[in-house]
Amino acid sequence: MRTLTIFFLCLGVCSSALANESKKTDSMRVAELARAAELAAMRARHDQIENEVAGITRLRLAEIRRERSVRNGDGRPRNATQDGSPTKSAPSDTGTYWSYEGEAGPARWGKINPAWAKCDSGARQSPIDIRDGIKVDLETVAFNYKPSYFNVVDNGHTVQVNVGAGNSITLTGRTYELMEFHFHRPAEEKLDGRGFEMVAHLVHKDQEGRVAIVAVLIESGSPHGLVQTVWNNLPLEKNDPLTPTITIDTNQLLPQHREYYTFMGSLTTPPCSEGVLWIVMKEAIQISAQQIAIFARLYPMNARPIQPSSGRLIKESN
């Protein structure tokens, strides 16, 4: 009897212990599940933060790339396009690729893209052979240029220099801000049938979007400091602007004497938009034969052929 009593007591103790162990196991399982859920939530939050950081990093990298070529706040250059044309050449089946020769050459510009129809049908196209100008007392062009940051881009059609804000010209009470300048070889314009080695086109726009282009003719002679600075900073890749830490003074690109021809014309590249005020300096500047040869290595010929003057009025400084 005593033995049975002891047996049942032991059985009770064991049952109680097993019950307690079961409760303990259940509590541990609940705790483990809670911990697992907490870890899963932490992992999801971690992944979310990583994605947010990656997104912010991508945006910042994009901003840095833009800032390399677009720096407005401190007077550094903005992106600008040669005579309003695209800076990148796309495949021909998109209707945006153009060239200076072959099937995408000047004779076909007006057919490649309907938006470029003026290249064929325009009545005031540029460049022209400047002849029979009416000599009058023309207003002096006020060149308001100053040392500015800049970048250089080989855009697939020319070498283009984008300049910082604060450079402008004033003529007939209207102010045009200088956006960029670029080069053509040979010069697109002719003076009474005479051609020139090269030309620099300084592209300006006013607040209403009207374009004024100052053409500075270039002939072979003495080396030119500003041109050499541009050549020193030629980018290694097309469409990848190089932004130096120095400044340039575009005044150095102008001839000593400021007499000029003026007439209405067009952009000399697609879309060949008309209504462009042309100011062609009568006096040429000089750059060295070696400097001309450097540009010729990149662009042996990037000039649109002479267009009909169509009886337009040309004024010439006395």
Protein backbone atom coordinates (compact mmCIF):
# COMPACT_ATOMS: atom_id res chain seq x y z
CA MET A 1 0.00 0.00 0.00
CA ARG A 2 2.75 2.33 0.88
CA THR A 3 4.44 1.44 -2.39
CA LEU A 4 1.33 2.36 -4.41
CA THR A 5 1.07 5.64 -2.57
CA ILE A 6 4.66 6.51 -3.45
CA PHE A 7 4.04 5.45 -7.07
CA PHE A 8 1.02 7.76 -7.45
CA LEU A 9 2.89 10.61 -5.81
CA CYS A 10 5.75 10.19 -8.29
CA LEU A 11 3.27 9.99 -11.15
CA GLY A 12 1.68 13.25 -10.03
CA VAL A 13 5.01 14.98 -9.74
CA CYS A 14 6.03 13.76 -13.21
CA SER A 15 2.72 14.85 -14.74
CA SER A 16 3.07 18.27 -13.17
CA ALA A 17 6.64 18.53 -14.41
CA LEU A 18 5.60 17.48 -17.93
CA ALA A 19 2.77 20.03 -17.89
CA ASN A 20 5.16 22.73 -16.78
CA GLU A 21 7.66 21.68 -19.42
CA SER A 22 4.90 21.76 -22.04
CA LYS A 23 3.88 25.24 -20.96
CA LYS A 24 7.53 26.28 -21.02
CA THR A 25 7.97 24.81 -24.51
CA ASP A 26 4.84 26.61 -25.74
CA SER A 27 6.10 29.89 -24.28
CA MET A 28 9.48 29.40 -25.95
CA ARG A 29 7.80 28.61 -29.27
CA VAL A 30 5.70 31.77 -29.02
CA ALA A 31 8.81 33.76 -28.14
CA GLU A 32 10.73 32.23 -31.03
CA LEU A 33 7.89 33.02 -33.44
CA ALA A 34 7.75 36.57 -32.14
CA ARG A 35 11.52 36.89 -32.53
CA ALA A 36 11.33 35.47 -36.06
CA ALA A 37 8.60 37.96 -36.95
CA GLU A 38 10.69 40.76 -35.47
CA LEU A 39 13.73 39.67 -37.47
CA ALA A 40 11.64 39.46 -40.66
CA ALA A 41 10.33 42.97 -40.06
CA MET A 42 13.85 44.24 -39.39
CA ARG A 43 15.10 42.55 -42.59
CA ALA A 44 12.28 44.09 -44.62
CA ARG A 45 13.04 47.53 -43.18
CA HIS A 46 16.73 47.01 -43.90
CA ASP A 47 15.94 46.11 -47.52
CA GLN A 48 13.67 49.16 -47.79
CA ILE A 49 16.42 51.43 -46.45
CA GLU A 50 18.95 49.90 -48.85
CA ASN A 51 16.59 50.52 -51.77
CA GLU A 52 16.01 54.11 -50.64
CA VAL A 53 19.74 54.71 -50.29
CA ALA A 54 20.39 53.17 -53.71
CA GLY A 55 17.73 55.42 -55.21
CA ILE A 56 19.19 58.51 -53.55
CA THR A 57 22.67 57.49 -54.72
CA ARG A 58 21.47 57.10 -58.32
CA LEU A 59 19.83 60.51 -58.20
CA ARG A 60 22.94 62.11 -56.70
CA LEU A 61 25.19 60.52 -59.32
CA ALA A 62 22.88 61.84 -62.03
CA GLU A 63 23.05 65.29 -60.44
CA ILE A 64 26.85 65.12 -60.32
CA ARG A 65 27.00 64.18 -63.99
CA ARG A 66 24.69 67.05 -64.86
CA GLU A 67 26.71 69.44 -62.72
CA ARG A 68 29.83 68.54 -64.66
CA SER A 69 28.30 70.06 -67.78
CA VAL A 70 25.61 72.32 -66.33
CA ARG A 71 26.71 74.75 -63.62
CA ASN A 72 24.48 77.79 -63.56
CA GLY A 73 24.56 78.86 -59.94
CA ASP A 74 28.21 79.94 -59.92
CA GLY A 75 28.39 81.24 -63.47
CA ARG A 76 29.49 77.93 -64.93
CA PRO A 77 28.25 76.90 -68.36
CA ARG A 78 24.88 75.50 -69.26
CA ASN A 79 24.26 72.93 -71.95
CA ALA A 80 23.62 74.57 -75.27
CA THR A 81 23.36 73.20 -78.75
CA GLN A 82 25.12 74.24 -81.89
CA ASP A 83 22.88 76.75 -83.65
CA GLY A 84 19.91 75.12 -81.88
CA SER A 85 20.69 71.67 -83.28
CA PRO A 86 20.77 68.37 -81.37
CA THR A 87 24.08 67.61 -79.68
CA LYS A 88 23.85 63.87 -80.20
CA SER A 89 23.51 62.00 -83.46
CA ALA A 90 20.86 59.29 -83.44
CA PRO A 91 20.45 56.42 -85.91
CA SER A 92 19.13 57.49 -89.29
CA ASP A 93 15.85 55.58 -88.96
CA THR A 94 14.75 58.01 -86.23
CA GLY A 95 14.97 60.94 -88.64
CA THR A 96 17.31 62.94 -86.43
CA TYR A 97 20.72 62.00 -87.83
CA TRP A 98 22.35 64.49 -90.18
CA SER A 99 25.78 64.99 -91.62
CA TYR A 100 27.77 67.19 -93.96
CA GLU A 101 28.10 64.55 -96.66
CA GLY A 102 26.47 61.43 -98.06
CA GLU A 103 22.82 60.43 -97.77
CA ALA A 104 22.35 62.53 -94.62
CA GLY A 105 24.15 65.54 -96.13
CA PRO A 106 22.85 69.10 -96.64
CA ALA A 107 20.97 68.29 -99.86
CA ARG A 108 18.74 65.90 -97.90
CA TRP A 109 18.32 67.70 -94.57
CA GLY A 110 14.84 68.92 -95.46
CA LYS A 111 13.72 65.38 -96.34
CA ILE A 112 15.13 63.54 -93.31
CA ASN A 113 12.70 65.09 -90.84
CA PRO A 114 9.49 67.05 -91.56
CA ALA A 115 10.49 69.50 -88.80
CA TRP A 116 13.50 70.41 -90.95
CA ALA A 117 11.50 71.36 -94.03
CA LYS A 118 12.91 74.91 -93.94
CA CYS A 119 16.28 73.46 -94.97
CA ASP A 120 14.68 72.92 -98.42
CA SER A 121 11.87 75.46 -98.62
CA GLY A 122 13.16 78.43 -96.63
CA ALA A 123 13.55 81.79 -98.38
CA ARG A 124 16.08 83.23 -95.91
CA GLN A 125 18.60 80.45 -95.45
CA SER A 126 22.22 80.72 -94.29
CA PRO A 127 25.10 80.86 -95.03
CA ILE A 128 25.31 83.28 -97.96
CA ASP A 129 27.96 84.94 -100.08
CA ILE A 130 27.77 88.48 -98.69
CA ARG A 131 27.66 90.88 -101.63
CA ASP A 132 26.24 94.28 -102.51
CA GLY A 133 25.73 95.44 -98.95
CA ILE A 134 24.20 98.87 -98.43
CA LYS A 135 26.78 101.01 -96.61
CA VAL A 136 25.13 102.85 -93.75
CA ASP A 137 25.99 104.14 -90.29
CA LEU A 138 25.24 101.00 -88.32
CA GLU A 139 24.86 101.06 -84.55
CA THR A 140 27.91 99.73 -82.75
CA VAL A 141 27.37 96.30 -81.25
CA ALA A 142 27.88 96.46 -77.47
CA PHE A 143 29.82 93.33 -76.51
CA ASN A 144 29.30 92.70 -72.81
CA TYR A 145 31.66 89.78 -72.35
CA LYS A 146 33.62 88.90 -69.22
CA PRO A 147 35.86 86.04 -67.99
CA SER A 148 33.63 83.00 -67.46
CA TYR A 149 33.78 79.33 -66.68
CA PHE A 150 33.19 77.10 -69.68
CA ASN A 151 33.06 73.56 -70.94
CA VAL A 152 34.08 72.03 -74.24
CA VAL A 153 32.10 69.34 -76.05
CA ASP A 154 32.70 67.52 -79.31
CA ASN A 155 29.05 67.07 -80.28
CA GLY A 156 29.64 65.02 -83.42
CA HIS A 157 29.27 68.05 -85.72
CA THR A 158 31.80 70.54 -84.33
CA VAL A 159 33.78 71.61 -81.29
CA GLN A 160 31.43 73.66 -79.13
CA VAL A 161 32.24 75.84 -76.13
CA ASN A 162 29.40 76.46 -73.66
CA VAL A 163 29.98 79.56 -71.56
CA GLY A 164 28.74 80.73 -68.19
CA ALA A 165 25.97 83.24 -67.64
CA GLY A 166 26.55 86.98 -67.74
CA ASN A 167 27.87 87.38 -71.30
CA SER A 168 25.73 89.25 -73.81
CA ILE A 169 25.51 91.66 -76.72
CA THR A 170 23.19 94.64 -77.05
CA LEU A 171 21.95 95.94 -80.39
CA THR A 172 18.94 98.10 -81.34
CA GLY A 173 17.82 98.16 -77.72
CA ARG A 174 17.69 94.37 -77.44
CA THR A 175 20.00 92.24 -75.30
CA TYR A 176 21.01 88.74 -76.38
CA GLU A 177 22.79 86.40 -73.98
CA LEU A 178 25.75 84.39 -75.27
CA MET A 179 24.98 80.68 -75.02
CA GLU A 180 27.91 79.07 -76.83
CA PHE A 181 30.35 79.37 -79.68
CA HIS A 182 31.56 76.75 -82.13
CA PHE A 183 33.66 76.39 -85.25
CA HIS A 184 33.24 75.51 -88.93
CA ARG A 185 35.88 74.59 -91.49
CA PRO A 186 35.98 76.13 -94.02
CA ALA A 187 34.11 79.31 -93.08
CA GLU A 188 30.48 78.96 -94.10
CA GLU A 189 30.14 82.63 -95.07
CA LYS A 190 31.94 84.25 -97.99
CA LEU A 191 32.69 87.95 -98.50
CA ASP A 192 32.16 88.91 -102.13
CA GLY A 193 33.20 85.43 -103.21
CA ARG A 194 36.21 85.20 -100.88
CA GLY A 195 36.40 82.18 -98.62
CA PHE A 196 38.18 81.83 -95.27
CA GLU A 197 39.92 78.98 -93.50
CA MET A 198 37.43 78.79 -90.63
CA VAL A 199 34.73 80.73 -88.78
CA ALA A 200 33.58 80.96 -85.19
CA HIS A 201 29.83 81.35 -84.62
CA LEU A 202 28.87 82.98 -81.32
CA VAL A 203 25.24 82.04 -80.64
CA HIS A 204 23.07 84.41 -78.56
CA LYS A 205 19.42 84.37 -77.50
CA ASP A 206 17.18 87.04 -76.02
CA GLN A 207 14.49 86.50 -73.40
CA GLU A 208 11.91 85.81 -76.09
CA GLY A 209 14.03 83.12 -77.73
CA ARG A 210 15.16 85.16 -80.72
CA VAL A 211 18.60 84.19 -81.98
CA ALA A 212 21.48 86.49 -82.93
CA ILE A 213 24.71 84.94 -84.25
CA VAL A 214 28.00 86.82 -84.44
CA ALA A 215 30.29 85.31 -87.09
CA VAL A 216 34.03 85.86 -86.67
CA LEU A 217 35.97 84.86 -89.77
CA ILE A 218 39.31 83.11 -89.27
CA GLU A 219 42.41 83.07 -91.46
CA SER A 220 45.82 81.45 -91.08
CA GLY A 221 48.47 83.51 -89.31
CA SER A 222 49.63 83.96 -85.72
CA PRO A 223 48.68 81.55 -82.92
CA HIS A 224 45.57 82.50 -80.95
CA GLY A 225 45.58 82.16 -77.15
CA LEU A 226 41.87 81.55 -76.56
CA VAL A 227 41.65 79.00 -79.38
CA GLN A 228 44.65 77.19 -77.94
CA THR A 229 42.94 77.11 -74.54
CA VAL A 230 39.91 75.45 -76.16
CA TRP A 231 42.10 72.93 -78.00
CA ASN A 232 43.98 72.17 -74.76
CA ASN A 233 40.66 71.14 -73.22
CA LEU A 234 39.26 69.02 -76.03
CA PRO A 235 37.34 66.09 -74.52
CA LEU A 236 38.47 62.54 -75.26
CA GLU A 237 34.94 61.30 -76.02
CA LYS A 238 32.16 62.78 -78.13
CA ASN A 239 29.19 64.21 -76.24
CA ASP A 240 31.11 64.08 -72.94
CA PRO A 241 31.78 67.70 -71.91
CA LEU A 242 35.09 68.58 -70.32
CA THR A 243 34.81 71.31 -67.69
CA PRO A 244 38.12 73.00 -66.82
CA THR A 245 38.68 74.90 -63.60
CA ILE A 246 39.90 78.00 -65.45
CA THR A 247 38.00 80.82 -67.16
CA ILE A 248 38.08 82.27 -70.66
CA ASP A 249 37.37 85.81 -71.89
CA THR A 250 35.38 85.65 -75.12
CA ASN A 251 36.39 89.23 -75.89
CA GLN A 252 39.65 87.68 -77.08
CA LEU A 253 37.79 86.02 -79.93
CA LEU A 254 36.67 89.34 -81.41
CA PRO A 255 38.65 91.33 -84.02
CA GLN A 256 40.16 94.68 -83.14
CA HIS A 257 37.83 96.59 -85.46
CA ARG A 258 34.11 95.97 -84.96
CA GLU A 259 32.58 96.95 -88.34
CA TYR A 260 30.14 94.32 -89.56
CA TYR A 261 27.58 93.13 -92.08
CA THR A 262 24.06 92.32 -90.90
CA PHE A 263 21.11 90.55 -92.47
CA MET A 264 18.34 88.10 -91.59
CA GLY A 265 19.00 84.44 -92.15
CA SER A 266 18.67 81.01 -90.57
CA LEU A 267 20.50 78.44 -88.51
CA THR A 268 23.10 76.73 -90.69
CA THR A 269 22.26 73.30 -89.25
CA PRO A 270 18.96 71.43 -88.93
CA PRO A 271 16.24 72.50 -88.29
CA CYS A 272 17.44 75.53 -90.37
CA SER A 273 15.02 77.81 -88.50
CA GLU A 274 14.72 81.30 -89.98
CA GLY A 275 14.38 84.68 -88.28
CA VAL A 276 18.02 84.63 -87.13
CA LEU A 277 19.84 87.97 -86.91
CA TRP A 278 23.31 87.58 -88.43
CA ILE A 279 26.20 89.88 -87.51
CA VAL A 280 29.29 89.04 -89.60
CA MET A 281 32.44 90.88 -88.54
CA LYS A 282 34.25 92.46 -91.49
CA GLU A 283 37.74 91.94 -90.04
CA ALA A 284 39.03 88.38 -89.68
CA ILE A 285 41.09 87.10 -86.77
CA GLN A 286 44.14 84.87 -87.10
CA ILE A 287 44.98 81.47 -85.70
CA SER A 288 48.04 79.43 -86.59
CA ALA A 289 48.21 76.80 -89.32
CA GLN A 290 48.90 74.23 -86.58
CA GLN A 291 45.74 75.26 -84.72
CA ILE A 292 43.73 74.94 -87.94
CA ALA A 293 45.27 71.49 -88.49
CA ILE A 294 44.17 70.36 -85.02
CA PHE A 295 40.54 71.17 -85.82
CA ALA A 296 40.90 69.60 -89.28
CA ARG A 297 41.93 66.32 -87.65
CA LEU A 298 38.49 66.22 -86.06
CA TYR A 299 36.44 67.94 -88.79
CA PRO A 300 38.08 68.23 -92.22
CA MET A 301 34.85 69.77 -93.54
CA ASN A 302 31.78 70.80 -91.53
CA ALA A 303 30.33 73.70 -93.53
CA ARG A 304 26.92 73.97 -95.14
CA PRO A 305 27.07 75.10 -98.80
CA ILE A 306 26.26 78.70 -99.73
CA GLN A 307 22.51 79.35 -99.98
CA PRO A 308 20.69 81.76 -102.35
CA SER A 309 20.56 85.31 -101.00
CA SER A 310 17.08 85.65 -102.54
CA GLY A 311 17.37 89.44 -102.77
CA ARG A 312 17.54 89.96 -99.02
CA LEU A 313 18.73 93.26 -97.64
CA ILE A 314 22.32 93.31 -96.42
CA LYS A 315 23.60 96.28 -94.43
CA GLU A 316 27.30 97.10 -94.11
CA SER A 317 29.12 99.40 -91.70
CA ASN A 318 30.66 102.47 -93.32
